[in-house]
Amino acid sequence: MITIRQFQCGEEAVLRKLMFDTIRSVTIKHYSDNQVKAWAHSDIADESWQDRLRSNQPLVAVLNGKIVGFADIQANGLIDHFFCHAEHQGQGIGKALMLALLEHSRTTNITRLFSHVSKTAKPFFERFGFDVIKEQQVNVRGEVLTNYLMEKVMLTR
């Protein structure tokens, strides 16, 4: 059973590795090797990554005692990170995380969710009612990657 819980200090390295491994192995279907290496770079300072996670306070997906995904939503509705472990794609982890983010947005009255979504994740976000606002060309460490600004307007109660 998948459990969704709050991030705990001390999990920063596990989440960074999960993100890194997922980008390096899953997104390679839609991006070149050089693009993937630029995106999942290894030169991020540990302290800045820790600060970012502590600030974003992601939700963490756990399956059989193992962290298998994480996602966060900011007060303005930005979904900044959304990653499911490369070895656990298609097992409902992303769905569980997205449902938790949607519930969080309802309880905190966030009326618009948006994210900068990869080619790989675009169909997943569309299944949850996100619409493409625009295609973007983003320069990441000298490599140009295509992603999509996507949004979902939440119905108010």
C-alpha atoms as a PDB file:
ATOM      1  CA  MET A   1       0.000   0.000   0.000  1.00  0.00           C
ATOM      2  CA  ILE A   2       1.214   3.484  -0.880  1.00  0.00           C
ATOM      3  CA  THR A   3       1.421   5.944   1.997  1.00  0.00           C
ATOM      4  CA  ILE A   4       1.656   9.690   1.417  1.00  0.00           C
ATOM      5  CA  ARG A   5       3.223  11.707   4.224  1.00  0.00           C
ATOM      6  CA  GLN A   6       5.099  14.936   4.848  1.00  0.00           C
ATOM      7  CA  PHE A   7       8.795  15.242   4.088  1.00  0.00           C
ATOM      8  CA  GLN A   8      11.087  14.688   7.067  1.00  0.00           C
ATOM      9  CA  CYS A   9      14.427  16.414   7.547  1.00  0.00           C
ATOM     10  CA  GLY A  10      17.189  13.957   6.774  1.00  0.00           C
ATOM     11  CA  GLU A  11      15.523  12.664   3.579  1.00  0.00           C
ATOM     12  CA  GLU A  12      17.120  15.259   1.310  1.00  0.00           C
ATOM     13  CA  ALA A  13      19.773  12.937  -0.146  1.00  0.00           C
ATOM     14  CA  VAL A  14      17.258  10.146  -0.824  1.00  0.00           C
ATOM     15  CA  LEU A  15      14.931  12.544  -2.659  1.00  0.00           C
ATOM     16  CA  ARG A  16      17.766  14.051  -4.646  1.00  0.00           C
ATOM     17  CA  LYS A  17      18.925  10.601  -5.771  1.00  0.00           C
ATOM     18  CA  LEU A  18      15.364   9.616  -6.641  1.00  0.00           C
ATOM     19  CA  MET A  19      14.972  12.756  -8.775  1.00  0.00           C
ATOM     20  CA  PHE A  20      18.385  12.315 -10.387  1.00  0.00           C
ATOM     21  CA  ASP A  21      17.857   8.631 -11.209  1.00  0.00           C
ATOM     22  CA  THR A  22      14.347   9.210 -12.519  1.00  0.00           C
ATOM     23  CA  ILE A  23      15.411  12.009 -14.849  1.00  0.00           C
ATOM     24  CA  ARG A  24      18.416  10.029 -16.060  1.00  0.00           C
ATOM     25  CA  SER A  25      16.452   6.841 -16.793  1.00  0.00           C
ATOM     26  CA  VAL A  26      12.831   7.796 -17.525  1.00  0.00           C
ATOM     27  CA  THR A  27      13.007  11.061 -19.466  1.00  0.00           C
ATOM     28  CA  ILE A  28      15.637   9.719 -21.864  1.00  0.00           C
ATOM     29  CA  LYS A  29      12.701   8.617 -24.059  1.00  0.00           C
ATOM     30  CA  HIS A  30      11.904  12.255 -24.803  1.00  0.00           C
ATOM     31  CA  TYR A  31      15.189  14.111 -24.376  1.00  0.00           C
ATOM     32  CA  SER A  32      18.713  13.629 -25.682  1.00  0.00           C
ATOM     33  CA  ASP A  33      21.491  12.289 -23.489  1.00  0.00           C
ATOM     34  CA  ASN A  34      23.047  15.765 -23.272  1.00  0.00           C
ATOM     35  CA  GLN A  35      19.718  17.333 -22.321  1.00  0.00           C
ATOM     36  CA  VAL A  36      19.136  14.751 -19.601  1.00  0.00           C
ATOM     37  CA  LYS A  37      22.636  15.236 -18.204  1.00  0.00           C
ATOM     38  CA  ALA A  38      22.135  19.018 -18.115  1.00  0.00           C
ATOM     39  CA  TRP A  39      18.806  18.623 -16.336  1.00  0.00           C
ATOM     40  CA  ALA A  40      19.976  15.977 -13.854  1.00  0.00           C
ATOM     41  CA  HIS A  41      23.290  17.567 -13.041  1.00  0.00           C
ATOM     42  CA  SER A  42      25.486  16.572 -10.172  1.00  0.00           C
ATOM     43  CA  ASP A  43      26.867  19.992  -9.267  1.00  0.00           C
ATOM     44  CA  ILE A  44      24.005  21.241  -7.092  1.00  0.00           C
ATOM     45  CA  ALA A  45      25.246  22.175  -3.658  1.00  0.00           C
ATOM     46  CA  ASP A  46      23.837  19.954  -0.935  1.00  0.00           C
ATOM     47  CA  GLU A  47      23.012  22.936   1.224  1.00  0.00           C
ATOM     48  CA  SER A  48      20.945  24.657  -1.479  1.00  0.00           C
ATOM     49  CA  TRP A  49      19.062  21.403  -2.196  1.00  0.00           C
ATOM     50  CA  GLN A  50      18.366  20.921   1.507  1.00  0.00           C
ATOM     51  CA  ASP A  51      17.146  24.507   1.831  1.00  0.00           C
ATOM     52  CA  ARG A  52      14.876  24.102  -1.178  1.00  0.00           C
ATOM     53  CA  LEU A  53      13.283  20.919   0.142  1.00  0.00           C
ATOM     54  CA  ARG A  54      12.832  22.334   3.613  1.00  0.00           C
ATOM     55  CA  SER A  55      11.188  25.400   2.093  1.00  0.00           C
ATOM     56  CA  ASN A  56       8.970  23.447  -0.329  1.00  0.00           C
ATOM     57  CA  GLN A  57       7.942  20.788   2.221  1.00  0.00           C
ATOM     58  CA  PRO A  58       7.127  18.063  -0.310  1.00  0.00           C
ATOM     59  CA  LEU A  59       4.809  15.151   0.157  1.00  0.00           C
ATOM     60  CA  VAL A  60       6.611  11.814   0.092  1.00  0.00           C
ATOM     61  CA  ALA A  61       5.236   8.534  -1.255  1.00  0.00           C
ATOM     62  CA  VAL A  62       6.314   5.404   0.618  1.00  0.00           C
ATOM     63  CA  LEU A  63       5.773   1.817  -0.536  1.00  0.00           C
ATOM     64  CA  ASN A  64       6.817  -1.101   1.674  1.00  0.00           C
ATOM     65  CA  GLY A  65       8.999   1.210   3.760  1.00  0.00           C
ATOM     66  CA  LYS A  66      10.825   2.656   0.718  1.00  0.00           C
ATOM     67  CA  ILE A  67      10.523   6.224  -0.576  1.00  0.00           C
ATOM     68  CA  VAL A  68       9.211   5.888  -4.131  1.00  0.00           C
ATOM     69  CA  GLY A  69       8.181   9.442  -5.037  1.00  0.00           C
ATOM     70  CA  PHE A  70       7.729  13.017  -3.953  1.00  0.00           C
ATOM     71  CA  ALA A  71       5.886  16.139  -5.020  1.00  0.00           C
ATOM     72  CA  ASP A  72       5.291  19.613  -3.696  1.00  0.00           C
ATOM     73  CA  ILE A  73       2.870  22.464  -4.180  1.00  0.00           C
ATOM     74  CA  GLN A  74       3.599  26.068  -3.299  1.00  0.00           C
ATOM     75  CA  ALA A  75       1.137  28.582  -1.839  1.00  0.00           C
ATOM     76  CA  ASN A  76       0.726  30.177  -5.282  1.00  0.00           C
ATOM     77  CA  GLY A  77      -0.236  26.797  -6.814  1.00  0.00           C
ATOM     78  CA  LEU A  78       3.136  25.949  -8.386  1.00  0.00           C
ATOM     79  CA  ILE A  79       3.922  22.247  -8.470  1.00  0.00           C
ATOM     80  CA  ASP A  80       7.697  22.586  -8.414  1.00  0.00           C
ATOM     81  CA  HIS A  81       8.762  18.933  -8.095  1.00  0.00           C
ATOM     82  CA  PHE A  82       6.881  15.791  -9.082  1.00  0.00           C
ATOM     83  CA  PHE A  83       8.902  12.586  -9.337  1.00  0.00           C
ATOM     84  CA  CYS A  84       8.109   8.888  -9.135  1.00  0.00           C
ATOM     85  CA  HIS A  85      10.949   6.409  -8.730  1.00  0.00           C
ATOM     86  CA  ALA A  86      12.151   4.990 -12.060  1.00  0.00           C
ATOM     87  CA  GLU A  87      11.576   1.420 -10.871  1.00  0.00           C
ATOM     88  CA  HIS A  88       8.009   2.163  -9.756  1.00  0.00           C
ATOM     89  CA  GLN A  89       6.478   3.859 -12.792  1.00  0.00           C
ATOM     90  CA  GLY A  90       2.879   2.892 -13.557  1.00  0.00           C
ATOM     91  CA  GLN A  91       2.159   1.548 -10.068  1.00  0.00           C
ATOM     92  CA  GLY A  92      -0.177   4.305  -8.852  1.00  0.00           C
ATOM     93  CA  ILE A  93       2.445   6.358  -7.041  1.00  0.00           C
ATOM     94  CA  GLY A  94       2.019   9.406  -9.248  1.00  0.00           C
ATOM     95  CA  LYS A  95      -1.751   9.124  -8.947  1.00  0.00           C
ATOM     96  CA  ALA A  96      -1.538   8.968  -5.151  1.00  0.00           C
ATOM     97  CA  LEU A  97       0.748  12.006  -5.056  1.00  0.00           C
ATOM     98  CA  MET A  98      -1.433  13.999  -7.466  1.00  0.00           C
ATOM     99  CA  LEU A  99      -4.598  13.196  -5.513  1.00  0.00           C
ATOM    100  CA  ALA A 100      -2.846  14.374  -2.336  1.00  0.00           C
ATOM    101  CA  LEU A 101      -1.797  17.629  -4.049  1.00  0.00           C
ATOM    102  CA  LEU A 102      -5.339  18.183  -5.340  1.00  0.00           C
ATOM    103  CA  GLU A 103      -6.762  17.598  -1.864  1.00  0.00           C
ATOM    104  CA  HIS A 104      -4.194  19.994  -0.380  1.00  0.00           C
ATOM    105  CA  SER A 105      -5.203  22.644  -2.914  1.00  0.00           C
ATOM    106  CA  ARG A 106      -8.866  22.223  -1.941  1.00  0.00           C
ATOM    107  CA  THR A 107      -8.206  22.510   1.789  1.00  0.00           C
ATOM    108  CA  THR A 108      -5.965  25.552   1.344  1.00  0.00           C
ATOM    109  CA  ASN A 109      -8.209  27.238  -1.242  1.00  0.00           C
ATOM    110  CA  ILE A 110      -5.625  27.239  -4.027  1.00  0.00           C
ATOM    111  CA  THR A 111      -7.743  27.850  -7.107  1.00  0.00           C
ATOM    112  CA  ARG A 112      -5.104  27.424  -9.823  1.00  0.00           C
ATOM    113  CA  LEU A 113      -2.403  24.780 -10.048  1.00  0.00           C
ATOM    114  CA  PHE A 114       0.414  25.139 -12.552  1.00  0.00           C
ATOM    115  CA  SER A 115       3.683  23.467 -13.392  1.00  0.00           C
ATOM    116  CA  HIS A 116       6.494  23.409 -15.932  1.00  0.00           C
ATOM    117  CA  VAL A 117       5.960  19.875 -17.199  1.00  0.00           C
ATOM    118  CA  SER A 118       8.364  17.699 -19.190  1.00  0.00           C
ATOM    119  CA  LYS A 119       7.420  15.944 -22.408  1.00  0.00           C
ATOM    120  CA  THR A 120       7.507  12.724 -20.405  1.00  0.00           C
ATOM    121  CA  ALA A 121       5.052  13.895 -17.731  1.00  0.00           C
ATOM    122  CA  LYS A 122       2.686  15.824 -20.031  1.00  0.00           C
ATOM    123  CA  PRO A 123       0.230  12.924 -20.652  1.00  0.00           C
ATOM    124  CA  PHE A 124       0.080  12.196 -16.921  1.00  0.00           C
ATOM    125  CA  PHE A 125      -0.815  15.801 -16.083  1.00  0.00           C
ATOM    126  CA  GLU A 126      -3.393  15.860 -18.881  1.00  0.00           C
ATOM    127  CA  ARG A 127      -5.125  12.826 -17.345  1.00  0.00           C
ATOM    128  CA  PHE A 128      -5.675  14.934 -14.233  1.00  0.00           C
ATOM    129  CA  GLY A 129      -7.250  17.800 -16.145  1.00  0.00           C
ATOM    130  CA  PHE A 130      -4.228  20.031 -16.671  1.00  0.00           C
ATOM    131  CA  ASP A 131      -4.225  22.031 -19.912  1.00  0.00           C
ATOM    132  CA  VAL A 132      -1.203  23.198 -21.882  1.00  0.00           C
ATOM    133  CA  ILE A 133      -0.960  26.973 -21.693  1.00  0.00           C
ATOM    134  CA  LYS A 134       2.175  27.143 -23.821  1.00  0.00           C
ATOM    135  CA  GLU A 135       5.108  25.128 -25.057  1.00  0.00           C
ATOM    136  CA  GLN A 136       8.405  26.492 -23.766  1.00  0.00           C
ATOM    137  CA  GLN A 137      12.036  26.234 -24.776  1.00  0.00           C
ATOM    138  CA  VAL A 138      14.136  26.348 -21.613  1.00  0.00           C
ATOM    139  CA  ASN A 139      17.915  26.732 -21.517  1.00  0.00           C
ATOM    140  CA  VAL A 140      19.379  24.393 -18.910  1.00  0.00           C
ATOM    141  CA  ARG A 141      23.160  24.548 -18.584  1.00  0.00           C
ATOM    142  CA  GLY A 142      23.578  25.245 -22.295  1.00  0.00           C
ATOM    143  CA  GLU A 143      21.015  22.672 -23.479  1.00  0.00           C
ATOM    144  CA  VAL A 144      17.590  23.716 -24.758  1.00  0.00           C
ATOM    145  CA  LEU A 145      14.754  21.535 -23.448  1.00  0.00           C
ATOM    146  CA  THR A 146      11.108  21.673 -24.437  1.00  0.00           C
ATOM    147  CA  ASN A 147       8.598  21.676 -21.633  1.00  0.00           C
ATOM    148  CA  TYR A 148       5.051  22.887 -21.148  1.00  0.00           C
ATOM    149  CA  LEU A 149       3.465  25.409 -18.861  1.00  0.00           C
ATOM    150  CA  MET A 150       0.348  23.539 -17.775  1.00  0.00           C
ATOM    151  CA  GLU A 151      -2.439  24.577 -15.456  1.00  0.00           C
ATOM    152  CA  LYS A 152      -5.560  23.278 -13.806  1.00  0.00           C
ATOM    153  CA  VAL A 153      -8.217  25.638 -12.555  1.00  0.00           C
ATOM    154  CA  MET A 154      -9.805  24.204  -9.438  1.00  0.00           C
ATOM    155  CA  LEU A 155     -13.542  24.384  -8.934  1.00  0.00           C
ATOM    156  CA  THR A 156     -14.519  26.231  -5.807  1.00  0.00           C
ATOM    157  CA  ARG A 157     -16.982  24.730  -3.373  1.00  0.00           C
END
